mmCIF file of all heavy atoms, coordinates in Angstrom:
data_MODEL
# 
_entry.id   MODEL 
# 
loop_
_atom_site.group_PDB 
_atom_site.id 
_atom_site.type_symbol 
_atom_site.label_atom_id 
_atom_site.label_alt_id 
_atom_site.label_comp_id 
_atom_site.label_asym_id 
_atom_site.label_entity_id 
_atom_site.label_seq_id 
_atom_site.pdbx_PDB_ins_code 
_atom_site.Cartn_x 
_atom_site.Cartn_y 
_atom_site.Cartn_z 
_atom_site.occupancy 
_atom_site.B_iso_or_equiv 
_atom_site.pdbx_formal_charge 
_atom_site.auth_seq_id 
_atom_site.auth_comp_id 
_atom_site.auth_asym_id 
_atom_site.auth_atom_id 
_atom_site.pdbx_PDB_model_num 
ATOM 1   N N   . ALA A 1 1  ? 7.705   8.863   0.693  1.00 0.00 ? 1  ALA A N   1 
ATOM 2   C CA  . ALA A 1 1  ? 6.600   8.752   -0.258 1.00 0.00 ? 1  ALA A CA  1 
ATOM 3   C C   . ALA A 1 1  ? 7.117   8.206   -1.582 1.00 0.00 ? 1  ALA A C   1 
ATOM 4   O O   . ALA A 1 1  ? 8.181   8.590   -2.053 1.00 0.00 ? 1  ALA A O   1 
ATOM 5   C CB  . ALA A 1 1  ? 5.951   10.114  -0.476 1.00 0.00 ? 1  ALA A CB  1 
ATOM 6   N N   . GLY A 1 2  ? 6.376   7.271   -2.164 1.00 0.00 ? 2  GLY A N   1 
ATOM 7   C CA  . GLY A 1 2  ? 6.757   6.693   -3.447 1.00 0.00 ? 2  GLY A CA  1 
ATOM 8   C C   . GLY A 1 2  ? 5.628   5.836   -3.973 1.00 0.00 ? 2  GLY A C   1 
ATOM 9   O O   . GLY A 1 2  ? 4.531   5.810   -3.404 1.00 0.00 ? 2  GLY A O   1 
ATOM 10  N N   . SER A 1 3  ? 5.900   5.117   -5.041 1.00 0.00 ? 3  SER A N   1 
ATOM 11  C CA  . SER A 1 3  ? 4.858   4.279   -5.650 1.00 0.00 ? 3  SER A CA  1 
ATOM 12  C C   . SER A 1 3  ? 5.340   2.859   -5.912 1.00 0.00 ? 3  SER A C   1 
ATOM 13  O O   . SER A 1 3  ? 4.713   2.123   -6.661 1.00 0.00 ? 3  SER A O   1 
ATOM 14  C CB  . SER A 1 3  ? 4.392   4.910   -6.963 1.00 0.00 ? 3  SER A CB  1 
ATOM 15  O OG  . SER A 1 3  ? 5.475   5.045   -7.882 1.00 0.00 ? 3  SER A OG  1 
ATOM 16  N N   . ALA A 1 4  ? 6.444   2.471   -5.292 1.00 0.00 ? 4  ALA A N   1 
ATOM 17  C CA  . ALA A 1 4  ? 7.038   1.164   -5.560 1.00 0.00 ? 4  ALA A CA  1 
ATOM 18  C C   . ALA A 1 4  ? 6.146   0.036   -5.077 1.00 0.00 ? 4  ALA A C   1 
ATOM 19  O O   . ALA A 1 4  ? 5.536   0.113   -4.008 1.00 0.00 ? 4  ALA A O   1 
ATOM 20  C CB  . ALA A 1 4  ? 8.406   1.063   -4.893 1.00 0.00 ? 4  ALA A CB  1 
ATOM 21  N N   . ASN A 1 5  ? 6.074   -1.023  -5.873 1.00 0.00 ? 5  ASN A N   1 
ATOM 22  C CA  . ASN A 1 5  ? 5.431   -2.257  -5.470 1.00 0.00 ? 5  ASN A CA  1 
ATOM 23  C C   . ASN A 1 5  ? 6.443   -3.155  -4.767 1.00 0.00 ? 5  ASN A C   1 
ATOM 24  O O   . ASN A 1 5  ? 7.647   -3.081  -5.044 1.00 0.00 ? 5  ASN A O   1 
ATOM 25  C CB  . ASN A 1 5  ? 4.853   -2.988  -6.683 1.00 0.00 ? 5  ASN A CB  1 
ATOM 26  C CG  . ASN A 1 5  ? 3.717   -2.224  -7.330 1.00 0.00 ? 5  ASN A CG  1 
ATOM 27  O OD1 . ASN A 1 5  ? 2.929   -1.589  -6.643 1.00 0.00 ? 5  ASN A OD1 1 
ATOM 28  N ND2 . ASN A 1 5  ? 3.633   -2.275  -8.644 1.00 0.00 ? 5  ASN A ND2 1 
ATOM 29  N N   . GLY A 1 6  ? 5.958   -4.020  -3.875 1.00 0.00 ? 6  GLY A N   1 
ATOM 30  C CA  . GLY A 1 6  ? 6.865   -4.936  -3.202 1.00 0.00 ? 6  GLY A CA  1 
ATOM 31  C C   . GLY A 1 6  ? 6.317   -5.376  -1.869 1.00 0.00 ? 6  GLY A C   1 
ATOM 32  O O   . GLY A 1 6  ? 5.179   -5.063  -1.501 1.00 0.00 ? 6  GLY A O   1 
ATOM 33  N N   . ALA A 1 7  ? 7.131   -6.110  -1.144 1.00 0.00 ? 7  ALA A N   1 
ATOM 34  C CA  . ALA A 1 7  ? 6.734   -6.652  0.156  1.00 0.00 ? 7  ALA A CA  1 
ATOM 35  C C   . ALA A 1 7  ? 7.299   -5.800  1.279  1.00 0.00 ? 7  ALA A C   1 
ATOM 36  O O   . ALA A 1 7  ? 8.434   -5.323  1.201  1.00 0.00 ? 7  ALA A O   1 
ATOM 37  C CB  . ALA A 1 7  ? 7.227   -8.090  0.301  1.00 0.00 ? 7  ALA A CB  1 
ATOM 38  N N   . GLY A 1 8  ? 6.505   -5.610  2.322  1.00 0.00 ? 8  GLY A N   1 
ATOM 39  C CA  . GLY A 1 8  ? 6.975   -4.897  3.496  1.00 0.00 ? 8  GLY A CA  1 
ATOM 40  C C   . GLY A 1 8  ? 7.475   -3.508  3.168  1.00 0.00 ? 8  GLY A C   1 
ATOM 41  O O   . GLY A 1 8  ? 6.808   -2.721  2.512  1.00 0.00 ? 8  GLY A O   1 
ATOM 42  N N   . SER A 1 9  ? 8.689   -3.193  3.620  1.00 0.00 ? 9  SER A N   1 
ATOM 43  C CA  . SER A 1 9  ? 9.248   -1.855  3.418  1.00 0.00 ? 9  SER A CA  1 
ATOM 44  C C   . SER A 1 9  ? 9.683   -1.601  1.979  1.00 0.00 ? 9  SER A C   1 
ATOM 45  O O   . SER A 1 9  ? 10.053  -0.472  1.642  1.00 0.00 ? 9  SER A O   1 
ATOM 46  C CB  . SER A 1 9  ? 10.428  -1.638  4.374  1.00 0.00 ? 9  SER A CB  1 
ATOM 47  O OG  . SER A 1 9  ? 11.451  -2.582  4.117  1.00 0.00 ? 9  SER A OG  1 
ATOM 48  N N   . ASN A 1 10 ? 9.638   -2.613  1.125  1.00 0.00 ? 10 ASN A N   1 
ATOM 49  C CA  . ASN A 1 10 ? 9.932   -2.387  -0.290 1.00 0.00 ? 10 ASN A CA  1 
ATOM 50  C C   . ASN A 1 10 ? 8.763   -1.710  -1.004 1.00 0.00 ? 10 ASN A C   1 
ATOM 51  O O   . ASN A 1 10 ? 8.947   -1.131  -2.074 1.00 0.00 ? 10 ASN A O   1 
ATOM 52  C CB  . ASN A 1 10 ? 10.267  -3.707  -0.987 1.00 0.00 ? 10 ASN A CB  1 
ATOM 53  C CG  . ASN A 1 10 ? 11.595  -4.271  -0.549 1.00 0.00 ? 10 ASN A CG  1 
ATOM 54  O OD1 . ASN A 1 10 ? 12.561  -3.525  -0.362 1.00 0.00 ? 10 ASN A OD1 1 
ATOM 55  N ND2 . ASN A 1 10 ? 11.667  -5.573  -0.351 1.00 0.00 ? 10 ASN A ND2 1 
ATOM 56  N N   . ALA A 1 11 ? 7.573   -1.823  -0.420 1.00 0.00 ? 11 ALA A N   1 
ATOM 57  C CA  . ALA A 1 11 ? 6.418   -1.116  -0.970 1.00 0.00 ? 11 ALA A CA  1 
ATOM 58  C C   . ALA A 1 11 ? 6.447   0.333   -0.507 1.00 0.00 ? 11 ALA A C   1 
ATOM 59  O O   . ALA A 1 11 ? 6.933   0.638   0.585  1.00 0.00 ? 11 ALA A O   1 
ATOM 60  C CB  . ALA A 1 11 ? 5.125   -1.780  -0.509 1.00 0.00 ? 11 ALA A CB  1 
ATOM 61  N N   . GLN A 1 12 ? 5.943   1.220   -1.341 1.00 0.00 ? 12 GLN A N   1 
ATOM 62  C CA  . GLN A 1 12 ? 5.871   2.626   -0.970 1.00 0.00 ? 12 GLN A CA  1 
ATOM 63  C C   . GLN A 1 12 ? 4.497   3.181   -1.326 1.00 0.00 ? 12 GLN A C   1 
ATOM 64  O O   . GLN A 1 12 ? 3.870   2.768   -2.302 1.00 0.00 ? 12 GLN A O   1 
ATOM 65  C CB  . GLN A 1 12 ? 6.967   3.431   -1.675 1.00 0.00 ? 12 GLN A CB  1 
ATOM 66  C CG  . GLN A 1 12 ? 8.371   3.084   -1.217 1.00 0.00 ? 12 GLN A CG  1 
ATOM 67  C CD  . GLN A 1 12 ? 9.440   3.865   -1.962 1.00 0.00 ? 12 GLN A CD  1 
ATOM 68  O OE1 . GLN A 1 12 ? 9.153   4.747   -2.756 1.00 0.00 ? 12 GLN A OE1 1 
ATOM 69  N NE2 . GLN A 1 12 ? 10.695  3.518   -1.697 1.00 0.00 ? 12 GLN A NE2 1 
ATOM 70  N N   . PHE A 1 13 ? 4.045   4.131   -0.493 1.00 0.00 ? 13 PHE A N   1 
ATOM 71  C CA  . PHE A 1 13 ? 2.768   4.805   -0.692 1.00 0.00 ? 13 PHE A CA  1 
ATOM 72  C C   . PHE A 1 13 ? 3.000   6.316   -0.749 1.00 0.00 ? 13 PHE A C   1 
ATOM 73  O O   . PHE A 1 13 ? 4.049   6.812   -0.340 1.00 0.00 ? 13 PHE A O   1 
ATOM 74  C CB  . PHE A 1 13 ? 1.809   4.508   0.466  1.00 0.00 ? 13 PHE A CB  1 
ATOM 75  C CG  . PHE A 1 13 ? 1.525   3.047   0.691  1.00 0.00 ? 13 PHE A CG  1 
ATOM 76  C CD1 . PHE A 1 13 ? 2.239   2.315   1.630  1.00 0.00 ? 13 PHE A CD1 1 
ATOM 77  C CD2 . PHE A 1 13 ? 0.525   2.398   -0.018 1.00 0.00 ? 13 PHE A CD2 1 
ATOM 78  C CE1 . PHE A 1 13 ? 1.974   0.969   1.861  1.00 0.00 ? 13 PHE A CE1 1 
ATOM 79  C CE2 . PHE A 1 13 ? 0.251   1.056   0.194  1.00 0.00 ? 13 PHE A CE2 1 
ATOM 80  C CZ  . PHE A 1 13 ? 0.976   0.346   1.130  1.00 0.00 ? 13 PHE A CZ  1 
ATOM 81  N N   . ASP A 1 14 ? 1.976   7.037   -1.196 1.00 0.00 ? 14 ASP A N   1 
ATOM 82  C CA  . ASP A 1 14 ? 1.988   8.492   -1.162 1.00 0.00 ? 14 ASP A CA  1 
ATOM 83  C C   . ASP A 1 14 ? 0.670   8.951   -0.551 1.00 0.00 ? 14 ASP A C   1 
ATOM 84  O O   . ASP A 1 14 ? -0.336  9.093   -1.224 1.00 0.00 ? 14 ASP A O   1 
ATOM 85  C CB  . ASP A 1 14 ? 2.162   9.071   -2.567 1.00 0.00 ? 14 ASP A CB  1 
ATOM 86  C CG  . ASP A 1 14 ? 2.415   10.572  -2.544 1.00 0.00 ? 14 ASP A CG  1 
ATOM 87  O OD1 . ASP A 1 14 ? 2.313   11.183  -1.467 1.00 0.00 ? 14 ASP A OD1 1 
ATOM 88  O OD2 . ASP A 1 14 ? 2.704   11.146  -3.613 1.00 0.00 ? 14 ASP A OD2 1 
ATOM 89  N N   . PHE A 1 15 ? 0.668   9.128   0.746  1.00 0.00 ? 15 PHE A N   1 
ATOM 90  C CA  . PHE A 1 15 ? -0.491  9.474   1.558  1.00 0.00 ? 15 PHE A CA  1 
ATOM 91  C C   . PHE A 1 15 ? -1.643  8.495   1.350  1.00 0.00 ? 15 PHE A C   1 
ATOM 92  O O   . PHE A 1 15 ? -2.705  8.840   0.819  1.00 0.00 ? 15 PHE A O   1 
ATOM 93  C CB  . PHE A 1 15 ? -0.962  10.909  1.291  1.00 0.00 ? 15 PHE A CB  1 
ATOM 94  C CG  . PHE A 1 15 ? -1.688  11.504  2.477  1.00 0.00 ? 15 PHE A CG  1 
ATOM 95  C CD1 . PHE A 1 15 ? -0.982  12.072  3.522  1.00 0.00 ? 15 PHE A CD1 1 
ATOM 96  C CD2 . PHE A 1 15 ? -3.063  11.450  2.569  1.00 0.00 ? 15 PHE A CD2 1 
ATOM 97  C CE1 . PHE A 1 15 ? -1.633  12.603  4.630  1.00 0.00 ? 15 PHE A CE1 1 
ATOM 98  C CE2 . PHE A 1 15 ? -3.735  11.979  3.672  1.00 0.00 ? 15 PHE A CE2 1 
ATOM 99  C CZ  . PHE A 1 15 ? -3.016  12.560  4.698  1.00 0.00 ? 15 PHE A CZ  1 
ATOM 100 N N   . PRO A 1 16 ? -1.465  7.259   1.790  1.00 0.00 ? 16 PRO A N   1 
ATOM 101 C CA  . PRO A 1 16 ? -2.563  6.298   1.742  1.00 0.00 ? 16 PRO A CA  1 
ATOM 102 C C   . PRO A 1 16 ? -3.668  6.729   2.691  1.00 0.00 ? 16 PRO A C   1 
ATOM 103 O O   . PRO A 1 16 ? -3.401  7.079   3.845  1.00 0.00 ? 16 PRO A O   1 
ATOM 104 C CB  . PRO A 1 16 ? -1.906  4.992   2.196  1.00 0.00 ? 16 PRO A CB  1 
ATOM 105 C CG  . PRO A 1 16 ? -0.790  5.434   3.092  1.00 0.00 ? 16 PRO A CG  1 
ATOM 106 C CD  . PRO A 1 16 ? -0.278  6.719   2.494  1.00 0.00 ? 16 PRO A CD  1 
ATOM 107 N N   . ALA A 1 17 ? -4.932  6.705   2.220  1.00 0.00 ? 17 ALA A N   1 
ATOM 108 C CA  . ALA A 1 17 ? -5.998  7.338   3.002  1.00 0.00 ? 17 ALA A CA  1 
ATOM 109 C C   . ALA A 1 17 ? -7.102  6.399   3.449  1.00 0.00 ? 17 ALA A C   1 
ATOM 110 O O   . ALA A 1 17 ? -7.884  6.764   4.322  1.00 0.00 ? 17 ALA A O   1 
ATOM 111 C CB  . ALA A 1 17 ? -6.613  8.495   2.203  1.00 0.00 ? 17 ALA A CB  1 
ATOM 112 N N   . ALA A 1 18 ? -7.225  5.223   2.862  1.00 0.00 ? 18 ALA A N   1 
ATOM 113 C CA  . ALA A 1 18 ? -8.298  4.307   3.262  1.00 0.00 ? 18 ALA A CA  1 
ATOM 114 C C   . ALA A 1 18 ? -7.860  2.879   3.005  1.00 0.00 ? 18 ALA A C   1 
ATOM 115 O O   . ALA A 1 18 ? -7.047  2.615   2.113  1.00 0.00 ? 18 ALA A O   1 
ATOM 116 C CB  . ALA A 1 18 ? -9.592  4.616   2.499  1.00 0.00 ? 18 ALA A CB  1 
ATOM 117 N N   . VAL A 1 19 ? -8.435  1.945   3.780  1.00 0.00 ? 19 VAL A N   1 
ATOM 118 C CA  . VAL A 1 19 ? -8.120  0.532   3.623  1.00 0.00 ? 19 VAL A CA  1 
ATOM 119 C C   . VAL A 1 19 ? -9.390  -0.271  3.838  1.00 0.00 ? 19 VAL A C   1 
ATOM 120 O O   . VAL A 1 19 ? -10.222 0.070   4.681  1.00 0.00 ? 19 VAL A O   1 
ATOM 121 C CB  . VAL A 1 19 ? -7.002  0.098   4.603  1.00 0.00 ? 19 VAL A CB  1 
ATOM 122 C CG1 . VAL A 1 19 ? -7.409  0.372   6.041  1.00 0.00 ? 19 VAL A CG1 1 
ATOM 123 C CG2 . VAL A 1 19 ? -6.621  -1.358  4.412  1.00 0.00 ? 19 VAL A CG2 1 
ATOM 124 N N   . ALA A 1 20 ? -9.558  -1.327  3.025  1.00 0.00 ? 20 ALA A N   1 
ATOM 125 C CA  . ALA A 1 20 ? -10.747 -2.182  3.140  1.00 0.00 ? 20 ALA A CA  1 
ATOM 126 C C   . ALA A 1 20 ? -10.394 -3.587  2.688  1.00 0.00 ? 20 ALA A C   1 
ATOM 127 O O   . ALA A 1 20 ? -9.380  -3.808  2.005  1.00 0.00 ? 20 ALA A O   1 
ATOM 128 C CB  . ALA A 1 20 ? -11.901 -1.627  2.297  1.00 0.00 ? 20 ALA A CB  1 
ATOM 129 N N   . PHE A 1 21 ? -11.257 -4.548  3.058  1.00 0.00 ? 21 PHE A N   1 
ATOM 130 C CA  . PHE A 1 21 ? -11.065 -5.946  2.695  1.00 0.00 ? 21 PHE A CA  1 
ATOM 131 C C   . PHE A 1 21 ? -12.302 -6.450  1.960  1.00 0.00 ? 21 PHE A C   1 
ATOM 132 O O   . PHE A 1 21 ? -13.429 -6.061  2.282  1.00 0.00 ? 21 PHE A O   1 
ATOM 133 C CB  . PHE A 1 21 ? -10.844 -6.809  3.940  1.00 0.00 ? 21 PHE A CB  1 
ATOM 134 C CG  . PHE A 1 21 ? -9.556  -6.540  4.641  1.00 0.00 ? 21 PHE A CG  1 
ATOM 135 C CD1 . PHE A 1 21 ? -9.445  -5.503  5.552  1.00 0.00 ? 21 PHE A CD1 1 
ATOM 136 C CD2 . PHE A 1 21 ? -8.433  -7.319  4.382  1.00 0.00 ? 21 PHE A CD2 1 
ATOM 137 C CE1 . PHE A 1 21 ? -8.255  -5.248  6.205  1.00 0.00 ? 21 PHE A CE1 1 
ATOM 138 C CE2 . PHE A 1 21 ? -7.235  -7.072  5.028  1.00 0.00 ? 21 PHE A CE2 1 
ATOM 139 C CZ  . PHE A 1 21 ? -7.139  -6.032  5.935  1.00 0.00 ? 21 PHE A CZ  1 
ATOM 140 N N   . ASP A 1 22 ? -12.081 -7.352  0.987  1.00 0.00 ? 22 ASP A N   1 
ATOM 141 C CA  . ASP A 1 22 ? -13.224 -8.005  0.360  1.00 0.00 ? 22 ASP A CA  1 
ATOM 142 C C   . ASP A 1 22 ? -13.498 -9.331  1.065  1.00 0.00 ? 22 ASP A C   1 
ATOM 143 O O   . ASP A 1 22 ? -12.777 -9.735  1.983  1.00 0.00 ? 22 ASP A O   1 
ATOM 144 C CB  . ASP A 1 22 ? -13.035 -8.161  -1.152 1.00 0.00 ? 22 ASP A CB  1 
ATOM 145 C CG  . ASP A 1 22 ? -11.899 -9.103  -1.534 1.00 0.00 ? 22 ASP A CG  1 
ATOM 146 O OD1 . ASP A 1 22 ? -11.448 -9.891  -0.668 1.00 0.00 ? 22 ASP A OD1 1 
ATOM 147 O OD2 . ASP A 1 22 ? -11.472 -9.073  -2.704 1.00 0.00 ? 22 ASP A OD2 1 
ATOM 148 N N   . THR A 1 23 ? -14.551 -10.023 0.627  1.00 0.00 ? 23 THR A N   1 
ATOM 149 C CA  . THR A 1 23 ? -14.955 -11.260 1.307  1.00 0.00 ? 23 THR A CA  1 
ATOM 150 C C   . THR A 1 23 ? -13.950 -12.384 1.113  1.00 0.00 ? 23 THR A C   1 
ATOM 151 O O   . THR A 1 23 ? -13.956 -13.366 1.857  1.00 0.00 ? 23 THR A O   1 
ATOM 152 C CB  . THR A 1 23 ? -16.334 -11.718 0.804  1.00 0.00 ? 23 THR A CB  1 
ATOM 153 O OG1 . THR A 1 23 ? -16.308 -11.803 -0.632 1.00 0.00 ? 23 THR A OG1 1 
ATOM 154 C CG2 . THR A 1 23 ? -17.412 -10.728 1.221  1.00 0.00 ? 23 THR A CG2 1 
ATOM 155 N N   . ALA A 1 24 ? -13.063 -12.266 0.119  1.00 0.00 ? 24 ALA A N   1 
ATOM 156 C CA  . ALA A 1 24 ? -12.021 -13.268 -0.087 1.00 0.00 ? 24 ALA A CA  1 
ATOM 157 C C   . ALA A 1 24 ? -10.775 -12.984 0.742  1.00 0.00 ? 24 ALA A C   1 
ATOM 158 O O   . ALA A 1 24 ? -9.828  -13.775 0.734  1.00 0.00 ? 24 ALA A O   1 
ATOM 159 C CB  . ALA A 1 24 ? -11.643 -13.341 -1.570 1.00 0.00 ? 24 ALA A CB  1 
# 
């Protein structure tokens, strides 16, 4: 768990709970 920004495994989340896409 973490809050790092980045690509692939360099990114970190802390219990991500939802995902959505916009029209773009």
